[in-house]
């Protein structure tokens, strides 16, 4: 095949047929080679764009599914508060509780923004420095009523003062986190534990610190996870048993923690309970 015919055929393949996986072979004289070189550059650009758009579509799909999954818990709380308000049960300010829960739902929706470009993960960069005691206590205390209403004991351990820790260089140590996203992690794990912990059981929160990481252990004495299922519990779409969820909440939790530079793991024994371990990095800050 003559070079000029080859050039026309390659242009038709790339731009009209959208077959861009096969590279363009550069051949011919200087002018012809220059045309084919630019054509190959255009093909590579189209390939990168296709991959980027594909990743953006997948991220958007998971984000929307994650929102739908995460608002189920506050929706259930609102329904419960409204029922108590209607029946005149208890002496709590149920209207304020409903408003607070709606605000939390709005935070969940706002935590997954649709970016202007295809850089899908810009939201994780919106972090702030936190003081450990007030923040983490408030996050976990928020779920006490929900847990205890199910007849499950809820115990929060002593919180170390993260902002008071010190490194070897005597810099104050703290944490930078996206509060809305970390709250989604806590919600997903607490609701998951509550689903498999029977009435009279215990959900316990334990905190500890290391030189580089802050550890949160969320432990229950519920039904536990099958040994064969443990390695797959954070996979998207994984379903444990006939009554298990599709695992989207834990998948999103792992994604959020990893995007904070941390890790999340699970230890479980069927019939004995489950322990989730969240590890978040400590950030040294100069005085």
Protein backbone atom coordinates (compact mmCIF):
# COMPACT_ATOMS: atom_id res chain seq x y z
CA UNK A 1 0.00 0.00 0.00
CA UNK A 2 1.34 3.43 -0.98
CA UNK A 3 2.07 5.79 1.91
CA UNK A 4 -0.54 8.41 0.93
CA UNK A 5 -3.24 5.71 0.78
CA UNK A 6 -2.06 4.43 4.16
CA UNK A 7 -2.36 7.95 5.64
CA UNK A 8 -5.95 8.32 4.39
CA UNK A 9 -6.84 4.88 5.73
CA UNK A 10 -5.38 5.66 9.18
CA UNK A 11 -7.23 9.00 9.34
CA UNK A 12 -10.49 7.22 8.50
CA UNK A 13 -9.80 4.51 11.11
CA UNK A 14 -9.11 6.98 13.92
CA UNK A 15 -11.57 9.81 13.28
CA UNK A 16 -14.48 8.09 11.57
CA UNK A 17 -14.36 4.54 12.92
CA UNK A 18 -13.00 5.57 16.37
CA UNK A 19 -10.63 2.60 16.40
CA UNK A 20 -7.84 4.12 18.45
CA UNK A 21 -6.24 1.15 20.24
CA UNK A 22 -3.87 0.25 17.40
CA UNK A 23 -0.79 2.54 17.04
CA UNK A 24 -0.06 4.45 13.83
CA UNK A 25 3.05 3.22 12.05
CA UNK A 26 5.25 6.16 10.98
CA UNK A 27 6.71 5.71 7.47
CA UNK A 28 7.47 7.46 4.15
CA UNK A 29 9.31 10.68 3.37
CA UNK A 30 9.83 13.57 5.79
CA UNK A 31 6.48 15.24 5.00
CA UNK A 32 4.56 11.96 5.21
CA UNK A 33 6.29 10.95 8.44
CA UNK A 34 5.44 14.34 9.97
CA UNK A 35 1.74 13.83 9.15
CA UNK A 36 1.74 10.31 10.61
CA UNK A 37 3.62 11.48 13.70
CA UNK A 38 0.94 14.12 14.41
CA UNK A 39 -1.77 11.56 13.70
CA UNK A 40 -0.24 9.20 16.28
CA UNK A 41 -0.09 12.07 18.80
CA UNK A 42 -3.79 12.74 18.19
CA UNK A 43 -4.55 9.05 18.66
CA UNK A 44 -2.74 8.97 22.01
CA UNK A 45 -4.58 12.11 23.14
CA UNK A 46 -7.94 10.51 22.25
CA UNK A 47 -6.91 7.37 24.12
CA UNK A 48 -6.10 9.34 27.26
CA UNK A 49 -9.35 11.29 27.03
CA UNK A 50 -11.36 8.09 26.66
CA UNK A 51 -9.72 6.64 29.77
CA UNK A 52 -10.25 9.84 31.75
CA UNK A 53 -13.92 10.09 30.80
CA UNK A 54 -14.42 6.42 31.63
CA UNK A 55 -12.92 6.94 35.11
CA UNK A 56 -15.04 10.05 35.66
CA UNK A 57 -18.20 8.18 34.70
CA UNK A 58 -17.35 5.35 37.08
CA UNK A 59 -16.57 7.79 39.91
CA UNK A 60 -19.82 9.71 39.36
CA UNK A 61 -21.84 6.49 39.32
CA UNK A 62 -20.29 5.30 42.58
CA UNK A 63 -20.70 8.74 44.18
CA UNK A 64 -24.41 8.90 43.41
CA UNK A 65 -24.91 5.34 44.62
CA UNK A 66 -22.94 6.23 47.75
CA UNK A 67 -25.21 9.20 48.51
CA UNK A 68 -28.32 7.03 48.11
CA UNK A 69 -26.79 4.44 50.43
CA UNK A 70 -25.65 6.93 53.08
CA UNK A 71 -28.89 8.89 53.40
CA UNK A 72 -30.88 5.78 54.32
CA UNK A 73 -29.79 6.03 57.96
CA UNK A 74 -30.74 9.71 58.50
CA UNK A 75 -34.01 9.10 56.63
CA UNK A 76 -34.83 6.30 59.07
CA UNK A 77 -33.98 8.60 62.00
CA UNK A 78 -36.24 11.35 60.65
CA UNK A 79 -39.10 8.86 60.27
CA UNK A 80 -38.59 7.73 63.88
CA UNK A 81 -38.46 11.30 65.22
CA UNK A 82 -41.61 12.25 63.26
CA UNK A 83 -43.46 9.22 64.65
CA UNK A 84 -42.46 10.12 68.22
CA UNK A 85 -43.51 13.72 67.61
CA UNK A 86 -46.89 12.62 66.27
CA UNK A 87 -47.53 10.20 69.15
CA UNK A 88 -46.30 12.60 71.81
CA UNK A 89 -43.75 10.06 73.09
CA UNK A 90 -40.80 11.30 75.14
CA UNK A 91 -39.74 14.81 76.09
CA UNK A 92 -37.05 15.49 73.48
CA UNK A 93 -37.06 18.36 71.01
CA UNK A 94 -37.90 16.18 68.01
CA UNK A 95 -38.29 19.14 65.65
CA UNK A 96 -34.71 20.19 66.37
CA UNK A 97 -33.50 16.61 65.99
CA UNK A 98 -35.22 16.43 62.59
CA UNK A 99 -33.62 19.72 61.53
CA UNK A 100 -30.19 18.54 62.68
CA UNK A 101 -30.59 15.26 60.77
CA UNK A 102 -31.70 17.07 57.61
CA UNK A 103 -28.60 19.27 57.88
CA UNK A 104 -26.47 16.14 58.12
CA UNK A 105 -28.16 14.72 55.00
CA UNK A 106 -27.33 17.95 53.18
CA UNK A 107 -23.72 17.52 54.28
CA UNK A 108 -23.65 14.02 52.77
CA UNK A 109 -24.96 15.35 49.46
CA UNK A 110 -22.54 18.30 49.49
CA UNK A 111 -19.58 16.01 50.23
CA UNK A 112 -19.79 14.59 46.71
CA UNK A 113 -19.52 17.57 44.40
CA UNK A 114 -19.60 17.33 40.63
CA UNK A 115 -16.30 18.85 39.49
CA UNK A 116 -16.08 21.34 36.64
CA UNK A 117 -13.29 19.32 35.05
CA UNK A 118 -12.66 15.61 34.88
CA UNK A 119 -10.36 15.70 37.93
CA UNK A 120 -12.93 13.72 39.90
CA UNK A 121 -11.38 13.85 43.36
CA UNK A 122 -10.97 17.53 44.09
CA UNK A 123 -13.33 17.28 47.09
CA UNK A 124 -10.76 15.43 49.24
CA UNK A 125 -8.48 18.49 49.17
CA UNK A 126 -10.95 20.48 51.27
CA UNK A 127 -9.44 19.62 54.66
CA UNK A 128 -9.05 21.41 57.95
CA UNK A 129 -6.89 21.00 61.02
CA UNK A 130 -8.76 19.40 63.91
CA UNK A 131 -8.30 19.05 67.64
CA UNK A 132 -8.96 15.40 68.37
CA UNK A 133 -11.00 15.34 71.55
CA UNK A 134 -13.96 17.57 70.63
CA UNK A 135 -14.20 16.40 67.01
CA UNK A 136 -14.07 12.62 67.37
CA UNK A 137 -16.14 12.61 70.54
CA UNK A 138 -18.89 14.59 68.78
CA UNK A 139 -18.77 12.33 65.70
CA UNK A 140 -19.25 9.10 67.63
CA UNK A 141 -21.61 10.54 70.26
CA UNK A 142 -23.95 11.51 67.41
CA UNK A 143 -24.88 7.85 66.93
CA UNK A 144 -25.50 6.98 70.57
CA UNK A 145 -29.26 7.47 70.46
CA UNK A 146 -29.63 5.43 67.27
CA UNK A 147 -27.60 2.53 68.72
CA UNK A 148 -29.22 2.50 72.17
CA UNK A 149 -32.73 2.66 70.68
CA UNK A 150 -31.95 -0.73 69.13
CA UNK A 151 -31.16 -2.12 72.58
CA UNK A 152 -27.41 -2.24 71.93
CA UNK A 153 -24.90 -0.88 74.47
CA UNK A 154 -22.66 1.89 73.13
CA UNK A 155 -19.33 2.61 74.79
CA UNK A 156 -16.89 5.30 73.72
CA UNK A 157 -13.39 5.01 75.15
CA UNK A 158 -11.07 7.76 76.29
CA UNK A 159 -9.90 10.08 73.53
CA UNK A 160 -6.26 11.21 73.40
CA UNK A 161 -5.71 14.91 72.75
CA UNK A 162 -4.37 14.78 69.22
CA UNK A 163 -3.37 18.44 69.07
CA UNK A 164 -1.24 17.94 72.21
CA UNK A 165 1.00 15.20 70.83
CA UNK A 166 4.60 15.99 70.00
CA UNK A 167 7.09 14.76 67.41
CA UNK A 168 10.82 14.36 67.82
CA UNK A 169 11.28 17.82 66.24
CA UNK A 170 9.00 19.31 68.94
CA UNK A 171 6.42 20.40 66.37
CA UNK A 172 2.80 20.28 67.49
CA UNK A 173 1.00 17.28 66.04
CA UNK A 174 -2.53 17.35 64.68
CA UNK A 175 -4.66 16.03 61.83
CA UNK A 176 -5.98 17.42 58.58
CA UNK A 177 -9.26 15.81 57.53
CA UNK A 178 -12.39 16.39 55.50
CA UNK A 179 -15.00 16.31 58.27
CA UNK A 180 -17.97 15.48 56.06
CA UNK A 181 -16.21 12.53 54.46
CA UNK A 182 -14.86 11.11 57.72
CA UNK A 183 -18.38 11.36 59.17
CA UNK A 184 -19.63 9.22 56.27
CA UNK A 185 -17.00 6.60 57.16
CA UNK A 186 -18.16 6.51 60.79
CA UNK A 187 -21.83 6.31 59.78
CA UNK A 188 -21.22 3.41 57.41
CA UNK A 189 -19.29 1.37 59.95
CA UNK A 190 -21.64 2.05 62.89
CA UNK A 191 -24.73 1.16 60.83
CA UNK A 192 -22.97 -1.95 59.54
CA UNK A 193 -22.11 -3.05 63.10
CA UNK A 194 -25.63 -2.29 64.28
CA UNK A 195 -27.09 -4.47 61.54
CA UNK A 196 -25.28 -7.54 62.86
CA UNK A 197 -25.24 -6.86 66.62
CA UNK A 198 -28.21 -8.32 68.53
CA UNK A 199 -30.19 -6.59 71.27
CA UNK A 200 -28.15 -6.65 74.47
CA UNK A 201 -24.89 -6.63 72.48
CA UNK A 202 -22.11 -4.04 72.65
CA UNK A 203 -20.51 -1.66 70.17
CA UNK A 204 -17.27 -0.29 71.60
CA UNK A 205 -15.12 2.57 70.28
CA UNK A 206 -11.42 2.46 71.20
CA UNK A 207 -8.85 5.16 70.38
CA UNK A 208 -5.06 4.95 70.40
CA UNK A 209 -2.08 6.78 68.94
CA UNK A 210 1.26 5.95 67.42
CA UNK A 211 4.15 8.07 66.21
CA UNK A 212 2.65 8.57 62.77
CA UNK A 213 -0.96 7.41 62.95
CA UNK A 214 -4.15 7.82 64.96
CA UNK A 215 -6.13 4.57 65.35
CA UNK A 216 -9.88 4.14 65.75
CA UNK A 217 -11.17 0.67 66.57
CA UNK A 218 -14.91 0.01 66.26
CA UNK A 219 -15.66 -3.33 67.86
CA UNK A 220 -18.87 -5.32 68.29
CA UNK A 221 -19.82 -8.73 69.68
CA UNK A 222 -22.34 -9.50 66.94
CA UNK A 223 -22.67 -12.35 64.48
CA UNK A 224 -19.33 -11.66 62.80
CA UNK A 225 -18.25 -12.26 59.21
CA UNK A 226 -17.57 -15.59 57.54
CA UNK A 227 -13.84 -16.27 57.25
CA UNK A 228 -14.13 -16.72 53.49
CA UNK A 229 -15.85 -13.33 53.16
CA UNK A 230 -13.39 -11.22 55.17
CA UNK A 231 -10.89 -10.58 52.30
CA UNK A 232 -13.69 -9.25 50.09
CA UNK A 233 -15.70 -7.16 52.56
CA UNK A 234 -14.49 -3.81 51.14
CA UNK A 235 -15.00 -4.73 47.49
CA UNK A 236 -17.60 -2.83 45.54
CA UNK A 237 -20.75 -4.89 45.00
CA UNK A 238 -19.75 -7.66 47.41
CA UNK A 239 -22.72 -9.25 49.19
CA UNK A 240 -22.17 -11.35 52.30
CA UNK A 241 -24.88 -13.97 52.79
CA UNK A 242 -28.51 -13.83 51.76
CA UNK A 243 -29.29 -10.90 54.05
CA UNK A 244 -26.10 -8.94 53.57
CA UNK A 245 -25.82 -5.54 51.97
CA UNK A 246 -24.07 -4.98 48.67
CA UNK A 247 -20.98 -3.60 50.41
CA UNK A 248 -21.12 -0.15 48.82
CA UNK A 249 -20.90 1.61 52.20
CA UNK A 250 -17.69 -0.17 53.20
CA UNK A 251 -16.26 0.30 49.70
CA UNK A 252 -16.84 4.05 49.97
CA UNK A 253 -15.44 4.09 53.52
CA UNK A 254 -12.22 2.45 52.37
CA UNK A 255 -11.93 4.86 49.45
CA UNK A 256 -12.35 7.91 51.70
CA UNK A 257 -9.83 6.70 54.31
CA UNK A 258 -7.24 5.88 51.64
CA UNK A 259 -7.71 9.31 50.09
CA UNK A 260 -6.78 10.72 53.52
CA UNK A 261 -3.52 8.77 53.39
CA UNK A 262 -4.78 6.15 55.83
CA UNK A 263 -6.01 2.57 55.82
CA UNK A 264 -9.05 0.66 57.04
CA UNK A 265 -9.02 -3.04 57.89
CA UNK A 266 -11.31 -5.61 59.49
CA UNK A 267 -10.86 -8.50 61.88
CA UNK A 268 -13.78 -10.84 62.45
CA UNK A 269 -14.73 -14.28 63.70
CA UNK A 270 -18.12 -15.73 62.93
CA UNK A 271 -20.29 -15.84 66.04
CA UNK A 272 -17.81 -13.74 68.03
CA UNK A 273 -17.99 -10.26 66.50
CA UNK A 274 -16.16 -7.84 64.24
CA UNK A 275 -13.55 -5.13 64.69
CA UNK A 276 -12.92 -2.37 62.14
CA UNK A 277 -9.62 -0.51 62.45
CA UNK A 278 -9.22 2.96 60.92
CA UNK A 279 -5.71 4.36 60.67
CA UNK A 280 -5.33 8.08 59.89
CA UNK A 281 -2.02 9.94 59.54
CA UNK A 282 -0.85 12.49 62.08
CA UNK A 283 0.48 15.68 60.50
CA UNK A 284 3.29 17.63 62.20
CA UNK A 285 2.63 21.38 62.19
CA UNK A 286 5.29 23.97 63.02
CA UNK A 287 4.55 26.20 65.97
